[in-house]
C-alpha atoms as a PDB file:
ATOM      1  CA  MET A   1      15.198 -12.997  67.394  1.00  0.00           C
ATOM      2  CA  SER A   2      12.096 -14.886  66.128  1.00  0.00           C
ATOM      3  CA  GLU A   3       9.357 -13.082  64.099  1.00  0.00           C
ATOM      4  CA  TRP A   4       6.780 -13.068  66.807  1.00  0.00           C
ATOM      5  CA  ILE A   5       8.978 -10.932  69.116  1.00  0.00           C
ATOM      6  CA  LEU A   6       7.706  -7.407  69.337  1.00  0.00           C
ATOM      7  CA  PRO A   7      10.470  -5.268  70.902  1.00  0.00           C
ATOM      8  CA  GLY A   8       9.613  -2.381  73.256  1.00  0.00           C
ATOM      9  CA  SER A   9       7.415  -1.765  76.141  1.00  0.00           C
ATOM     10  CA  TYR A  10       3.652  -1.842  75.562  1.00  0.00           C
ATOM     11  CA  CYS A  11       2.984   1.226  77.678  1.00  0.00           C
ATOM     12  CA  GLY A  12       5.736   3.251  76.012  1.00  0.00           C
ATOM     13  CA  ALA A  13       8.767   4.909  77.410  1.00  0.00           C
ATOM     14  CA  ALA A  14       9.208   5.416  81.128  1.00  0.00           C
ATOM     15  CA  PRO A  15       7.919   8.837  82.085  1.00  0.00           C
ATOM     16  CA  LEU A  16       9.333  11.305  84.412  1.00  0.00           C
ATOM     17  CA  PRO A  17       7.243  12.603  87.376  1.00  0.00           C
ATOM     18  CA  GLU A  18       6.438  15.914  85.638  1.00  0.00           C
ATOM     19  CA  ASN A  19       4.751  14.217  82.655  1.00  0.00           C
ATOM     20  CA  ALA A  20       3.523  11.005  84.168  1.00  0.00           C
ATOM     21  CA  LEU A  21      -0.097  12.143  84.554  1.00  0.00           C
ATOM     22  CA  GLN A  22      -0.294  12.915  80.843  1.00  0.00           C
ATOM     23  CA  SER A  23       0.853   9.356  79.971  1.00  0.00           C
ATOM     24  CA  TRP A  24      -2.572   7.757  79.116  1.00  0.00           C
ATOM     25  CA  ASN A  25      -2.738   4.687  76.965  1.00  0.00           C
ATOM     26  CA  PHE A  26      -5.470   4.944  74.242  1.00  0.00           C
ATOM     27  CA  ASP A  27      -4.598   1.789  72.365  1.00  0.00           C
ATOM     28  CA  PRO A  28      -7.748   1.204  70.185  1.00  0.00           C
ATOM     29  CA  LEU A  29      -7.535  -2.518  70.508  1.00  0.00           C
ATOM     30  CA  LEU A  30      -7.310  -2.330  74.256  1.00  0.00           C
ATOM     31  CA  LEU A  31     -10.150   0.164  74.473  1.00  0.00           C
ATOM     32  CA  GLY A  32     -12.227  -2.042  72.192  1.00  0.00           C
ATOM     33  CA  ALA A  33     -11.635  -5.015  74.340  1.00  0.00           C
ATOM     34  CA  LEU A  34     -12.604  -3.205  77.496  1.00  0.00           C
ATOM     35  CA  PHE A  35     -15.757  -1.893  75.748  1.00  0.00           C
ATOM     36  CA  VAL A  36     -16.747  -5.370  74.700  1.00  0.00           C
ATOM     37  CA  MET A  37     -16.114  -6.606  78.253  1.00  0.00           C
ATOM     38  CA  ALA A  38     -18.285  -3.804  79.711  1.00  0.00           C
ATOM     39  CA  ILE A  39     -21.093  -4.708  77.323  1.00  0.00           C
ATOM     40  CA  ALA A  40     -20.842  -8.365  78.136  1.00  0.00           C
ATOM     41  CA  LEU A  41     -20.770  -7.784  81.872  1.00  0.00           C
ATOM     42  CA  ARG A  42     -23.196  -4.823  82.000  1.00  0.00           C
ATOM     43  CA  HIS A  43     -25.697  -6.661  84.156  1.00  0.00           C
ATOM     44  CA  SER A  44     -23.097  -7.396  86.828  1.00  0.00           C
ATOM     45  CA  ARG A  45     -21.812  -4.761  89.163  1.00  0.00           C
ATOM     46  CA  ALA A  46     -18.834  -6.883  89.965  1.00  0.00           C
ATOM     47  CA  GLY A  47     -18.104  -7.254  86.247  1.00  0.00           C
ATOM     48  CA  LEU A  48     -18.302  -3.562  85.574  1.00  0.00           C
ATOM     49  CA  ALA A  49     -16.113  -2.853  88.575  1.00  0.00           C
ATOM     50  CA  ALA A  50     -13.575  -5.374  87.223  1.00  0.00           C
ATOM     51  CA  THR A  51     -13.604  -3.556  83.844  1.00  0.00           C
ATOM     52  CA  ALA A  52     -12.899  -0.326  85.591  1.00  0.00           C
ATOM     53  CA  VAL A  53      -9.957  -1.857  87.522  1.00  0.00           C
ATOM     54  CA  LEU A  54      -8.538  -3.159  84.236  1.00  0.00           C
ATOM     55  CA  ALA A  55      -8.948   0.278  82.683  1.00  0.00           C
ATOM     56  CA  LEU A  56      -7.068   1.757  85.673  1.00  0.00           C
ATOM     57  CA  ALA A  57      -4.250  -0.825  85.213  1.00  0.00           C
ATOM     58  CA  PHE A  58      -3.889  -0.490  81.377  1.00  0.00           C
ATOM     59  CA  VAL A  59      -5.351   2.863  80.277  1.00  0.00           C
ATOM     60  CA  SER A  60      -4.465   5.236  83.096  1.00  0.00           C
ATOM     61  CA  PRO A  61      -1.040   6.699  83.649  1.00  0.00           C
ATOM     62  CA  LEU A  62      -0.292   3.683  85.905  1.00  0.00           C
ATOM     63  CA  CYS A  63       0.468   1.709  82.803  1.00  0.00           C
ATOM     64  CA  ALA A  64       3.370   4.055  81.806  1.00  0.00           C
ATOM     65  CA  MET A  65       4.521   4.624  85.430  1.00  0.00           C
ATOM     66  CA  ALA A  66       4.888   0.782  85.727  1.00  0.00           C
ATOM     67  CA  VAL A  67       7.549   0.958  82.998  1.00  0.00           C
ATOM     68  CA  ALA A  68       9.551   3.325  85.148  1.00  0.00           C
ATOM     69  CA  LEU A  69       8.962   1.953  88.670  1.00  0.00           C
ATOM     70  CA  PHE A  70       8.882  -1.566  89.942  1.00  0.00           C
ATOM     71  CA  SER A  71       6.692  -0.290  92.741  1.00  0.00           C
ATOM     72  CA  ALA A  72       4.151   0.883  90.203  1.00  0.00           C
ATOM     73  CA  ARG A  73       4.376  -2.513  88.463  1.00  0.00           C
ATOM     74  CA  VAL A  74       3.563  -4.251  91.701  1.00  0.00           C
ATOM     75  CA  VAL A  75       0.419  -2.099  92.083  1.00  0.00           C
ATOM     76  CA  HIS A  76      -0.463  -3.066  88.563  1.00  0.00           C
ATOM     77  CA  HIS A  77      -0.120  -6.712  89.285  1.00  0.00           C
ATOM     78  CA  VAL A  78      -1.947  -6.584  92.497  1.00  0.00           C
ATOM     79  CA  LEU A  79      -4.837  -4.824  90.752  1.00  0.00           C
ATOM     80  CA  LEU A  80      -4.893  -7.760  88.310  1.00  0.00           C
ATOM     81  CA  VAL A  81      -4.655 -10.769  90.575  1.00  0.00           C
ATOM     82  CA  ALA A  82      -6.232  -9.509  93.759  1.00  0.00           C
ATOM     83  CA  VAL A  83      -8.838  -7.010  92.689  1.00  0.00           C
ATOM     84  CA  ALA A  84      -9.915  -7.499  89.078  1.00  0.00           C
ATOM     85  CA  ALA A  85      -9.669 -11.291  89.255  1.00  0.00           C
ATOM     86  CA  PRO A  86     -11.998 -11.880  92.220  1.00  0.00           C
ATOM     87  CA  LEU A  87     -14.490  -9.361  90.728  1.00  0.00           C
ATOM     88  CA  LEU A  88     -14.502 -11.278  87.484  1.00  0.00           C
ATOM     89  CA  ALA A  89     -14.871 -14.461  89.396  1.00  0.00           C
ATOM     90  CA  ALA A  90     -17.882 -13.028  91.150  1.00  0.00           C
ATOM     91  CA  ALA A  91     -19.326 -11.851  87.792  1.00  0.00           C
ATOM     92  CA  TRP A  92     -18.662 -15.310  86.226  1.00  0.00           C
ATOM     93  CA  PRO A  93     -19.115 -17.799  89.038  1.00  0.00           C
ATOM     94  CA  SER A  94     -18.287 -21.470  88.723  1.00  0.00           C
ATOM     95  CA  ARG A  95     -21.300 -23.689  88.683  1.00  0.00           C
ATOM     96  CA  ARG A  96     -19.619 -26.468  90.698  1.00  0.00           C
ATOM     97  CA  SER A  97     -16.871 -26.797  93.199  1.00  0.00           C
ATOM     98  CA  SER A  98     -13.818 -28.679  91.771  1.00  0.00           C
ATOM     99  CA  GLY A  99     -11.355 -27.695  94.515  1.00  0.00           C
ATOM    100  CA  ALA A 100      -8.888 -24.787  94.705  1.00  0.00           C
ATOM    101  CA  ALA A 101      -5.705 -26.733  95.086  1.00  0.00           C
ATOM    102  CA  LEU A 102      -4.668 -26.895  91.413  1.00  0.00           C
ATOM    103  CA  PRO A 103      -5.663 -23.348  90.625  1.00  0.00           C
ATOM    104  CA  PHE A 104      -3.835 -22.189  93.679  1.00  0.00           C
ATOM    105  CA  LEU A 105      -0.640 -23.941  92.700  1.00  0.00           C
ATOM    106  CA  ILE A 106      -0.724 -22.767  89.170  1.00  0.00           C
ATOM    107  CA  SER A 107      -1.574 -19.165  89.889  1.00  0.00           C
ATOM    108  CA  THR A 108       1.043 -19.049  92.575  1.00  0.00           C
ATOM    109  CA  ALA A 109       3.707 -20.621  90.286  1.00  0.00           C
ATOM    110  CA  LEU A 110       2.902 -18.108  87.554  1.00  0.00           C
ATOM    111  CA  LEU A 111       3.016 -15.133  89.869  1.00  0.00           C
ATOM    112  CA  TRP A 112       6.419 -16.136  91.296  1.00  0.00           C
ATOM    113  CA  ALA A 113       7.777 -17.248  87.834  1.00  0.00           C
ATOM    114  CA  TRP A 114       6.976 -13.878  86.259  1.00  0.00           C
ATOM    115  CA  HIS A 115       8.830 -12.154  89.107  1.00  0.00           C
ATOM    116  CA  LEU A 116      11.989 -13.985  88.307  1.00  0.00           C
ATOM    117  CA  PRO A 117      14.366 -11.319  86.929  1.00  0.00           C
ATOM    118  CA  ALA A 118      14.901 -12.961  83.562  1.00  0.00           C
ATOM    119  CA  ALA A 119      11.217 -13.457  82.824  1.00  0.00           C
ATOM    120  CA  TYR A 120      10.203 -10.024  84.276  1.00  0.00           C
ATOM    121  CA  ASP A 121      12.768  -8.145  82.230  1.00  0.00           C
ATOM    122  CA  LEU A 122      11.941  -9.985  79.033  1.00  0.00           C
ATOM    123  CA  ALA A 123       8.272  -9.099  79.523  1.00  0.00           C
ATOM    124  CA  LEU A 124       9.010  -5.397  79.903  1.00  0.00           C
ATOM    125  CA  ARG A 125      11.142  -5.238  76.778  1.00  0.00           C
ATOM    126  CA  ASP A 126       8.923  -7.418  74.533  1.00  0.00           C
ATOM    127  CA  ILE A 127       5.240  -6.706  73.856  1.00  0.00           C
ATOM    128  CA  ALA A 128       4.288 -10.249  72.986  1.00  0.00           C
ATOM    129  CA  VAL A 129       5.786 -11.650  76.228  1.00  0.00           C
ATOM    130  CA  TYR A 130       4.225  -8.709  78.077  1.00  0.00           C
ATOM    131  CA  TRP A 131       0.848  -9.791  77.158  1.00  0.00           C
ATOM    132  CA  ILE A 132       1.541 -13.434  77.883  1.00  0.00           C
ATOM    133  CA  MET A 133       2.510 -12.274  81.353  1.00  0.00           C
ATOM    134  CA  GLN A 134      -0.605 -10.158  81.847  1.00  0.00           C
ATOM    135  CA  LEU A 135      -3.146 -12.667  80.461  1.00  0.00           C
ATOM    136  CA  SER A 136      -1.583 -15.647  82.291  1.00  0.00           C
ATOM    137  CA  LEU A 137      -1.546 -13.706  85.636  1.00  0.00           C
ATOM    138  CA  LEU A 138      -5.158 -12.508  85.260  1.00  0.00           C
ATOM    139  CA  GLY A 139      -6.461 -15.824  83.747  1.00  0.00           C
ATOM    140  CA  SER A 140      -4.963 -18.025  86.456  1.00  0.00           C
ATOM    141  CA  ALA A 141      -6.005 -15.630  89.228  1.00  0.00           C
ATOM    142  CA  VAL A 142      -9.603 -15.690  87.952  1.00  0.00           C
ATOM    143  CA  TRP A 143      -9.428 -19.537  87.917  1.00  0.00           C
ATOM    144  CA  PHE A 144      -8.254 -19.514  91.501  1.00  0.00           C
ATOM    145  CA  TRP A 145     -10.885 -17.083  92.702  1.00  0.00           C
ATOM    146  CA  ARG A 146     -13.691 -18.909  90.905  1.00  0.00           C
ATOM    147  CA  ALA A 147     -12.654 -22.021  92.666  1.00  0.00           C
ATOM    148  CA  VAL A 148     -12.543 -20.240  96.056  1.00  0.00           C
ATOM    149  CA  LEU A 149     -15.929 -18.606  95.627  1.00  0.00           C
ATOM    150  CA  ALA A 150     -17.433 -22.014  94.558  1.00  0.00           C
ATOM    151  CA  GLU A 151     -16.319 -23.652  97.781  1.00  0.00           C
ATOM    152  CA  ARG A 152     -19.358 -24.969  99.599  1.00  0.00           C
ATOM    153  CA  SER A 153     -17.510 -24.605 102.930  1.00  0.00           C
ATOM    154  CA  ALA A 154     -16.916 -21.086 104.111  1.00  0.00           C
ATOM    155  CA  ILE A 155     -13.950 -22.411 106.100  1.00  0.00           C
ATOM    156  CA  GLU A 156     -12.413 -23.906 103.016  1.00  0.00           C
ATOM    157  CA  ALA A 157     -12.871 -20.651 101.152  1.00  0.00           C
ATOM    158  CA  MET A 158     -11.262 -18.705 104.064  1.00  0.00           C
ATOM    159  CA  LEU A 159      -8.280 -21.077 104.222  1.00  0.00           C
ATOM    160  CA  TRP A 160      -7.551 -20.906 100.467  1.00  0.00           C
ATOM    161  CA  THR A 161      -7.855 -17.174 100.489  1.00  0.00           C
ATOM    162  CA  LEU A 162      -5.424 -17.117 103.478  1.00  0.00           C
ATOM    163  CA  ALA A 163      -3.062 -19.285 101.443  1.00  0.00           C
ATOM    164  CA  GLY A 164      -3.248 -16.732  98.570  1.00  0.00           C
ATOM    165  CA  LEU A 165      -2.539 -13.972 101.063  1.00  0.00           C
ATOM    166  CA  MET A 166       0.412 -15.796 102.494  1.00  0.00           C
ATOM    167  CA  GLN A 167       2.165 -16.623  99.245  1.00  0.00           C
ATOM    168  CA  MET A 168       1.720 -13.009  98.025  1.00  0.00           C
ATOM    169  CA  GLY A 169       3.135 -11.748 101.353  1.00  0.00           C
ATOM    170  CA  LEU A 170       6.055 -14.134 101.213  1.00  0.00           C
ATOM    171  CA  LEU A 171       7.035 -12.982  97.704  1.00  0.00           C
ATOM    172  CA  GLY A 172       6.673  -9.406  98.852  1.00  0.00           C
ATOM    173  CA  ALA A 173       8.823  -9.997 101.854  1.00  0.00           C
ATOM    174  CA  ILE A 174      11.552 -11.624  99.688  1.00  0.00           C
ATOM    175  CA  LEU A 175      11.551  -8.625  97.408  1.00  0.00           C
ATOM    176  CA  THR A 176      11.605  -6.196 100.328  1.00  0.00           C
ATOM    177  CA  PHE A 177      14.629  -7.778 101.954  1.00  0.00           C
ATOM    178  CA  ALA A 178      16.623  -8.714  98.811  1.00  0.00           C
ATOM    179  CA  PRO A 179      20.130  -7.362  99.264  1.00  0.00           C
ATOM    180  CA  ALA A 180      20.477  -6.194  95.743  1.00  0.00           C
ATOM    181  CA  GLN A 181      18.415  -4.657  92.943  1.00  0.00           C
ATOM    182  CA  LEU A 182      17.099  -7.561  90.750  1.00  0.00           C
ATOM    183  CA  TYR A 183      15.539  -6.077  87.644  1.00  0.00           C
ATOM    184  CA  ALA A 184      17.434  -4.541  84.839  1.00  0.00           C
ATOM    185  CA  ALA A 185      14.272  -2.947  83.482  1.00  0.00           C
ATOM    186  CA  HIS A 186      14.200  -0.607  86.508  1.00  0.00           C
ATOM    187  CA  ALA A 187      18.033  -0.047  86.852  1.00  0.00           C
ATOM    188  CA  LEU A 188      17.845   3.625  85.875  1.00  0.00           C
ATOM    189  CA  ALA A 189      14.275   5.045  85.595  1.00  0.00           C
ATOM    190  CA  PRO A 190      13.641   5.163  89.427  1.00  0.00           C
ATOM    191  CA  LEU A 191      16.480   7.670  89.652  1.00  0.00           C
ATOM    192  CA  GLY A 192      14.331  10.198  87.855  1.00  0.00           C
ATOM    193  CA  TRP A 193      11.727   9.766  90.541  1.00  0.00           C
ATOM    194  CA  GLY A 194      14.182  10.358  93.390  1.00  0.00           C
ATOM    195  CA  LEU A 195      14.460   6.707  94.328  1.00  0.00           C
ATOM    196  CA  SER A 196      17.363   4.397  94.028  1.00  0.00           C
ATOM    197  CA  PRO A 197      16.497   1.152  92.097  1.00  0.00           C
ATOM    198  CA  LEU A 198      16.854  -0.863  95.321  1.00  0.00           C
ATOM    199  CA  ALA A 199      14.597   1.517  97.268  1.00  0.00           C
ATOM    200  CA  ASP A 200      11.972   1.236  94.499  1.00  0.00           C
ATOM    201  CA  GLN A 201      12.201  -2.511  94.650  1.00  0.00           C
ATOM    202  CA  GLN A 202      11.875  -2.495  98.450  1.00  0.00           C
ATOM    203  CA  LEU A 203       8.789  -0.242  98.088  1.00  0.00           C
ATOM    204  CA  GLY A 204       7.325  -2.636  95.651  1.00  0.00           C
ATOM    205  CA  GLY A 205       7.937  -5.570  97.906  1.00  0.00           C
ATOM    206  CA  LEU A 206       6.367  -3.730 100.838  1.00  0.00           C
ATOM    207  CA  ILE A 207       3.282  -2.975  98.740  1.00  0.00           C
ATOM    208  CA  MET A 208       2.999  -6.624  97.799  1.00  0.00           C
ATOM    209  CA  TRP A 209       3.577  -7.635 101.379  1.00  0.00           C
ATOM    210  CA  VAL A 210       1.212  -5.338 103.331  1.00  0.00           C
ATOM    211  CA  PRO A 211      -1.413  -3.315 101.344  1.00  0.00           C
ATOM    212  CA  ALA A 212      -1.934  -6.303  98.932  1.00  0.00           C
ATOM    213  CA  MET A 213      -3.265  -8.199 101.904  1.00  0.00           C
ATOM    214  CA  LEU A 214      -6.424  -5.983 101.973  1.00  0.00           C
ATOM    215  CA  PRO A 215      -8.400  -7.612  99.100  1.00  0.00           C
ATOM    216  CA  TYR A 216      -7.664 -11.030 100.516  1.00  0.00           C
ATOM    217  CA  LEU A 217      -8.853  -9.981 103.933  1.00  0.00           C
ATOM    218  CA  ALA A 218     -12.031  -8.571 102.394  1.00  0.00           C
ATOM    219  CA  VAL A 219     -12.746 -11.961 100.739  1.00  0.00           C
ATOM    220  CA  ILE A 220     -12.071 -13.697 104.071  1.00  0.00           C
ATOM    221  CA  ALA A 221     -14.493 -11.399 105.844  1.00  0.00           C
ATOM    222  CA  LEU A 222     -17.160 -12.019 103.148  1.00  0.00           C
ATOM    223  CA  SER A 223     -16.696 -15.785 103.388  1.00  0.00           C
ATOM    224  CA  ALA A 224     -16.954 -15.578 107.164  1.00  0.00           C
ATOM    225  CA  ARG A 225     -20.216 -13.645 106.834  1.00  0.00           C
ATOM    226  CA  ARG A 226     -21.520 -16.253 104.368  1.00  0.00           C
ATOM    227  CA  GLY A 227     -20.626 -19.027 106.775  1.00  0.00           C
ATOM    228  CA  TRP A 228     -22.316 -17.256 109.650  1.00  0.00           C
ATOM    229  CA  ARG A 229     -25.499 -16.853 107.599  1.00  0.00           C
ATOM    230  CA  MET A 230     -25.392 -20.495 106.642  1.00  0.00           C
ATOM    231  CA  ALA A 231     -25.004 -21.511 110.260  1.00  0.00           C
ATOM    232  CA  GLU A 232     -27.973 -19.277 111.209  1.00  0.00           C
ATOM    233  CA  ARG A 233     -30.184 -20.817 108.595  1.00  0.00           C
ATOM    234  CA  ALA A 234     -29.140 -24.324 109.598  1.00  0.00           C
ATOM    235  CA  ALA A 235     -29.983 -23.556 113.274  1.00  0.00           C
ATOM    236  CA  ALA A 236     -33.340 -21.926 112.451  1.00  0.00           C
END
């Protein structure tokens, strides 16, 4: 094992239901980074909201629960790529439209790649790889959402958002209907929560498939409203 490998889960051991709500993560480096982010984005409501979402993902008991349950990990990832990322994109908008095709392809490839069993299990047992996963998912998603929000055409923005929704839903459907449990990292811990590993995986896929659509639908609605206003101004 190379020297940069840091064995173990960043969020600690998988908790049981009775102690999950006490499993907060007060890593000083993480808290410092979130504090600096909050200061840097203090004039942006979207930026402060994004900071709060990241705190929910990494500081709250969700961080530890995601060690135990694949379904909690899915919630964690959805918060990163479909909630925090568009909020950060709104707080840090792109000054020009360069197209969303490349960001869409790369962010989609990374999301799918990190849900391959070998990559996923490695990230959950190695802290360095864990942070590569988190930062690449968040960074590529922010890139994608900045490109979407910079689209001059509301129709283009809506279509790219729909594409993001569809690829997320497709991945969720594959996980929901997979005939076997895929992730060694969650082979035992779900049993302590009254779930079989396969049921936990199916629940995670369902979350990715259905509730995860809501942030995308919200962006589509906002893009439609923007397009309607632009059409009204053009007609006036």
